[in-house]
Amino acid sequence: MTEQLAVAVLGANGRMGAEAVKAVEAATDMKLVAALGRSDSLDGLVNAGAQVVVDLTVPESTEANVRFAVEHGMHAVVGTTGWDAARLNDLEELLGRNAGVGVLIAPNFALGSVLATAFAAKAAKYFESVEVIELHHPDKVDAPSGTAVRTAQLIAAERADAGIGASPDATTTELAGARGCDVDGIRVHSVRLRGLVAHQEVLLGGPGEQLTLRHDSFDRASFMPGVLLGVRNVAGYPGLTVGLDGYLDLGV
């Protein structure tokens, strides 16, 4: 019998964490060795012999959680937001001192969302205009979503490489926020509405045509195949990987 991966879930009492616990327990090639909540000591990860830590906590604690895992030789799969450039740089330096340890930080684990973002980035250089709309439940604490920020960043990079300028916009007066926020020159709009889970549209426009790429997650179970993919592959990618697309052969 193939040896099972020893997996620990942090944030196990949250909505995403509870789903991850169920997914790991149902995976025949994994063994859930720890499911920790906010007040539980991280020493439980060591005592349980965790090989991979899934962090689905909150921005205030995720950096310390991942640092603990890396310093103790555990790989980490992270779905928590709050990883700005400075934090990512610090993590890369830490990983440089802990050879062989891998960390995946993924703004979104839904495979359809990852694919839609990759397709949008590739398509964006062929259209004059592009904007992003993300729609989530009203309990989400950050806006725009991490997925929308990454989508805009990848779109902006593709357009810059292709020498495409900013989307045309004749706006000279506006109410604050009417045109959304600016992420690397890409306009991103956030909707918070009861009944939604996680949804995103990328609108691309050219003379006489529009292309819309939309992804919908109707249930948090949609994120679990990506979480499990990350757990299974993180050891094979030492160092830092940002975005689940880093583990996929997209062919685009």
Protein backbone atom coordinates (compact mmCIF):
# COMPACT_ATOMS: atom_id res chain seq x y z
CA MET A 1 0.00 0.00 0.00
CA THR A 2 1.29 3.48 -0.90
CA GLU A 3 2.28 5.52 2.13
CA GLN A 4 -0.29 8.17 2.99
CA LEU A 5 0.67 11.83 3.20
CA ALA A 6 0.36 13.17 6.73
CA VAL A 7 -1.71 16.36 6.38
CA ALA A 8 -2.68 19.00 8.92
CA VAL A 9 -5.34 21.66 8.42
CA LEU A 10 -5.11 25.06 10.13
CA GLY A 11 -8.34 27.00 10.41
CA ALA A 12 -10.24 23.74 10.66
CA ASN A 13 -13.25 25.38 12.30
CA GLY A 14 -13.83 27.85 9.48
CA ARG A 15 -15.98 27.29 6.39
CA MET A 16 -13.07 26.50 4.09
CA GLY A 17 -11.16 24.65 6.77
CA ALA A 18 -14.08 22.35 7.53
CA GLU A 19 -14.36 21.48 3.84
CA ALA A 20 -10.63 20.79 3.67
CA VAL A 21 -10.85 18.46 6.66
CA LYS A 22 -13.57 16.45 4.93
CA ALA A 23 -11.65 16.38 1.64
CA VAL A 24 -8.43 15.16 3.25
CA GLU A 25 -10.27 12.50 5.25
CA ALA A 26 -11.92 11.25 2.05
CA ALA A 27 -8.64 11.09 0.08
CA THR A 28 -7.21 7.57 0.12
CA ASP A 29 -3.63 8.79 -0.33
CA MET A 30 -3.77 11.18 2.65
CA LYS A 31 -4.15 10.93 6.40
CA LEU A 32 -5.47 13.82 8.46
CA VAL A 33 -3.12 14.02 11.44
CA ALA A 34 -4.20 17.38 12.88
CA ALA A 35 -7.10 19.81 12.55
CA LEU A 36 -6.25 22.96 14.49
CA GLY A 37 -8.41 25.93 15.38
CA ARG A 38 -7.42 29.48 16.30
CA SER A 39 -6.53 28.74 19.93
CA ASP A 40 -4.60 25.52 19.30
CA SER A 41 -0.82 25.45 19.61
CA LEU A 42 1.21 24.99 16.45
CA ASP A 43 3.33 22.51 18.38
CA GLY A 44 0.53 20.07 17.59
CA LEU A 45 1.80 19.98 14.00
CA VAL A 46 5.15 18.64 15.15
CA ASN A 47 3.65 16.19 17.60
CA ALA A 48 1.33 14.86 14.87
CA GLY A 49 4.18 14.37 12.38
CA ALA A 50 2.57 16.53 9.70
CA GLN A 51 4.31 16.54 6.33
CA VAL A 52 2.03 19.07 4.63
CA VAL A 53 0.20 21.92 6.35
CA VAL A 54 -2.90 23.44 4.75
CA ASP A 55 -3.35 27.01 6.01
CA LEU A 56 -6.89 28.36 5.69
CA THR A 57 -6.82 30.79 8.58
CA VAL A 58 -6.87 34.61 8.60
CA PRO A 59 -4.40 37.22 7.28
CA GLU A 60 -3.29 38.12 10.81
CA SER A 61 -1.91 34.65 11.54
CA THR A 62 -1.04 33.07 8.20
CA GLU A 63 2.53 34.41 8.00
CA ALA A 64 3.45 33.05 11.44
CA ASN A 65 1.78 29.72 10.62
CA VAL A 66 3.70 29.26 7.39
CA ARG A 67 6.98 30.37 8.96
CA PHE A 68 6.51 27.75 11.69
CA ALA A 69 5.82 25.04 9.12
CA VAL A 70 8.84 25.91 6.97
CA GLU A 71 11.18 26.13 9.95
CA HIS A 72 10.06 22.65 10.99
CA GLY A 73 10.55 21.14 7.52
CA MET A 74 6.86 20.96 6.62
CA HIS A 75 5.50 21.91 3.22
CA ALA A 76 2.62 24.39 3.18
CA VAL A 77 -0.42 24.90 0.96
CA VAL A 78 -1.91 28.31 1.68
CA GLY A 79 -5.28 29.74 0.73
CA THR A 80 -5.24 32.67 3.16
CA THR A 81 -5.01 36.19 1.72
CA GLY A 82 -2.78 39.00 2.98
CA TRP A 83 0.48 38.02 1.31
CA ASP A 84 1.81 41.30 -0.05
CA ALA A 85 5.15 41.73 -1.83
CA ALA A 86 7.09 42.30 1.40
CA ARG A 87 5.70 39.17 3.04
CA LEU A 88 6.38 37.09 -0.06
CA ASN A 89 9.95 38.37 -0.18
CA ASP A 90 10.49 37.46 3.48
CA LEU A 91 9.06 34.00 2.83
CA GLU A 92 11.37 33.45 -0.13
CA GLU A 93 14.35 34.35 2.03
CA LEU A 94 13.17 31.90 4.70
CA LEU A 95 12.73 29.15 2.12
CA GLY A 96 16.22 29.85 0.86
CA ARG A 97 17.48 28.85 4.29
CA ASN A 98 15.30 25.72 4.36
CA ALA A 99 16.21 23.85 1.19
CA GLY A 100 13.75 21.29 -0.09
CA VAL A 101 10.66 22.79 1.55
CA GLY A 102 7.87 23.90 -0.76
CA VAL A 103 5.13 26.49 -0.21
CA LEU A 104 2.16 27.07 -2.50
CA ILE A 105 0.18 30.27 -2.00
CA ALA A 106 -2.97 30.18 -4.10
CA PRO A 107 -5.51 33.02 -4.30
CA ASN A 108 -8.03 30.50 -5.59
CA PHE A 109 -8.13 26.69 -5.55
CA ALA A 110 -11.06 26.24 -7.94
CA LEU A 111 -9.53 24.71 -11.05
CA GLY A 112 -12.06 26.45 -13.31
CA SER A 113 -11.12 29.80 -11.81
CA VAL A 114 -7.41 29.16 -12.31
CA LEU A 115 -8.03 28.23 -15.93
CA ALA A 116 -10.30 31.25 -16.54
CA THR A 117 -7.64 33.59 -15.16
CA ALA A 118 -4.95 32.04 -17.37
CA PHE A 119 -7.18 32.27 -20.46
CA ALA A 120 -8.08 35.88 -19.67
CA ALA A 121 -4.44 36.87 -19.33
CA LYS A 122 -3.61 35.35 -22.70
CA ALA A 123 -6.64 36.92 -24.38
CA ALA A 124 -6.13 40.39 -22.93
CA LYS A 125 -3.40 41.40 -25.37
CA TYR A 126 -5.83 41.01 -28.27
CA PHE A 127 -8.43 43.46 -26.94
CA GLU A 128 -8.36 47.22 -26.51
CA SER A 129 -10.31 47.20 -23.24
CA VAL A 130 -10.38 44.91 -20.22
CA GLU A 131 -11.99 45.12 -16.78
CA VAL A 132 -12.54 42.64 -13.95
CA ILE A 133 -15.66 42.19 -11.83
CA GLU A 134 -15.54 39.92 -8.77
CA LEU A 135 -18.66 38.99 -6.83
CA HIS A 136 -18.67 37.40 -3.37
CA HIS A 137 -20.77 36.82 -0.28
CA PRO A 138 -21.01 39.80 2.12
CA ASP A 139 -19.03 38.03 4.86
CA LYS A 140 -15.82 38.32 2.85
CA VAL A 141 -13.49 40.73 4.63
CA ASP A 142 -11.18 41.81 1.79
CA ALA A 143 -11.91 43.65 -1.43
CA PRO A 144 -10.98 43.13 -4.13
CA SER A 145 -10.52 39.39 -3.82
CA GLY A 146 -7.07 37.87 -4.05
CA THR A 147 -8.17 36.10 -7.22
CA ALA A 148 -9.19 39.38 -8.85
CA VAL A 149 -5.91 41.02 -7.88
CA ARG A 150 -3.89 38.16 -9.34
CA THR A 151 -6.04 38.13 -12.48
CA ALA A 152 -5.46 41.84 -12.99
CA GLN A 153 -1.72 41.47 -12.36
CA LEU A 154 -1.38 38.66 -14.91
CA ILE A 155 -3.46 40.59 -17.45
CA ALA A 156 -1.35 43.72 -16.93
CA ALA A 157 1.88 41.75 -17.37
CA GLU A 158 0.70 40.18 -20.64
CA ARG A 159 -0.41 43.55 -22.00
CA ALA A 160 2.86 45.19 -21.00
CA ASP A 161 4.87 42.45 -22.73
CA ALA A 162 2.77 42.98 -25.86
CA GLY A 163 3.13 46.77 -25.72
CA ILE A 164 -0.60 47.31 -25.20
CA GLY A 165 -1.53 50.59 -23.55
CA ALA A 166 -4.17 51.29 -20.94
CA SER A 167 -7.83 50.67 -21.70
CA PRO A 168 -9.46 53.80 -23.14
CA ASP A 169 -11.41 55.79 -20.54
CA ALA A 170 -12.66 59.35 -21.00
CA THR A 171 -13.85 59.69 -17.39
CA THR A 172 -12.87 63.03 -15.89
CA THR A 173 -15.32 63.25 -12.98
CA GLU A 174 -16.63 60.43 -10.81
CA LEU A 175 -18.00 59.58 -7.42
CA ALA A 176 -15.35 57.87 -5.32
CA GLY A 177 -15.08 54.21 -6.31
CA ALA A 178 -17.38 54.45 -9.33
CA ARG A 179 -14.67 53.12 -11.62
CA GLY A 180 -13.50 50.47 -9.18
CA CYS A 181 -9.92 50.21 -7.99
CA ASP A 182 -6.76 50.23 -10.08
CA VAL A 183 -4.56 47.13 -10.00
CA ASP A 184 -1.52 47.66 -12.22
CA GLY A 185 -3.64 49.75 -14.57
CA ILE A 186 -6.55 47.29 -14.71
CA ARG A 187 -9.92 48.35 -13.28
CA VAL A 188 -11.34 45.88 -10.74
CA HIS A 189 -14.87 46.09 -9.34
CA SER A 190 -16.12 44.29 -6.21
CA VAL A 191 -19.70 43.19 -5.48
CA ARG A 192 -20.80 41.86 -2.07
CA LEU A 193 -24.22 40.23 -2.15
CA ARG A 194 -26.06 37.73 0.03
CA GLY A 195 -26.54 34.42 -1.78
CA LEU A 196 -23.25 34.54 -3.66
CA VAL A 197 -20.21 32.38 -2.94
CA ALA A 198 -17.33 33.27 -5.30
CA HIS A 199 -17.69 34.53 -8.86
CA GLN A 200 -15.58 36.47 -11.33
CA GLU A 201 -16.01 37.98 -14.77
CA VAL A 202 -13.32 39.34 -17.05
CA LEU A 203 -14.77 41.63 -19.72
CA LEU A 204 -12.67 42.11 -22.84
CA GLY A 205 -13.77 44.53 -25.53
CA GLY A 206 -12.68 45.49 -29.02
CA PRO A 207 -14.29 47.25 -31.96
CA GLY A 208 -17.69 45.62 -32.48
CA GLU A 209 -17.19 42.69 -30.10
CA GLN A 210 -16.95 41.59 -26.49
CA LEU A 211 -15.56 38.45 -24.89
CA THR A 212 -16.66 37.56 -21.36
CA LEU A 213 -14.84 34.92 -19.32
CA ARG A 214 -16.80 34.00 -16.20
CA HIS A 215 -16.28 31.45 -13.47
CA ASP A 216 -18.75 30.58 -10.72
CA SER A 217 -18.17 28.67 -7.50
CA PHE A 218 -21.55 27.75 -6.05
CA ASP A 219 -20.17 25.77 -3.12
CA ARG A 220 -16.87 25.70 -1.24
CA ALA A 221 -16.53 22.07 -2.26
CA SER A 222 -15.41 23.47 -5.63
CA PHE A 223 -12.10 24.50 -4.06
CA MET A 224 -11.21 21.08 -2.70
CA PRO A 225 -9.85 19.39 -5.86
CA GLY A 226 -7.34 22.23 -6.11
CA VAL A 227 -6.42 21.99 -2.44
CA LEU A 228 -5.77 18.27 -2.81
CA LEU A 229 -3.79 18.85 -6.01
CA GLY A 230 -1.63 21.32 -4.10
CA VAL A 231 -1.10 18.91 -1.21
CA ARG A 232 -0.08 16.12 -3.59
CA ASN A 233 2.39 18.26 -5.54
CA VAL A 234 3.90 20.81 -3.16
CA ALA A 235 6.84 18.59 -2.17
CA GLY A 236 7.86 18.40 -5.82
CA TYR A 237 8.15 22.19 -6.09
CA PRO A 238 10.72 23.37 -3.51
CA GLY A 239 10.66 27.08 -2.77
CA LEU A 240 7.74 29.44 -3.28
CA THR A 241 5.02 29.03 -5.89
CA VAL A 242 2.31 31.68 -6.16
CA GLY A 243 -0.83 30.51 -7.94
CA LEU A 244 -2.08 27.00 -8.54
CA ASP A 245 -1.36 27.50 -12.24
CA GLY A 246 2.28 26.91 -11.34
CA TYR A 247 1.41 23.24 -10.88
CA LEU A 248 -0.69 22.92 -14.04
CA ASP A 249 0.36 22.28 -17.64
CA LEU A 250 -1.99 24.84 -19.16
CA GLY A 251 -0.50 24.76 -22.65
CA VAL A 252 -1.29 28.44 -23.17
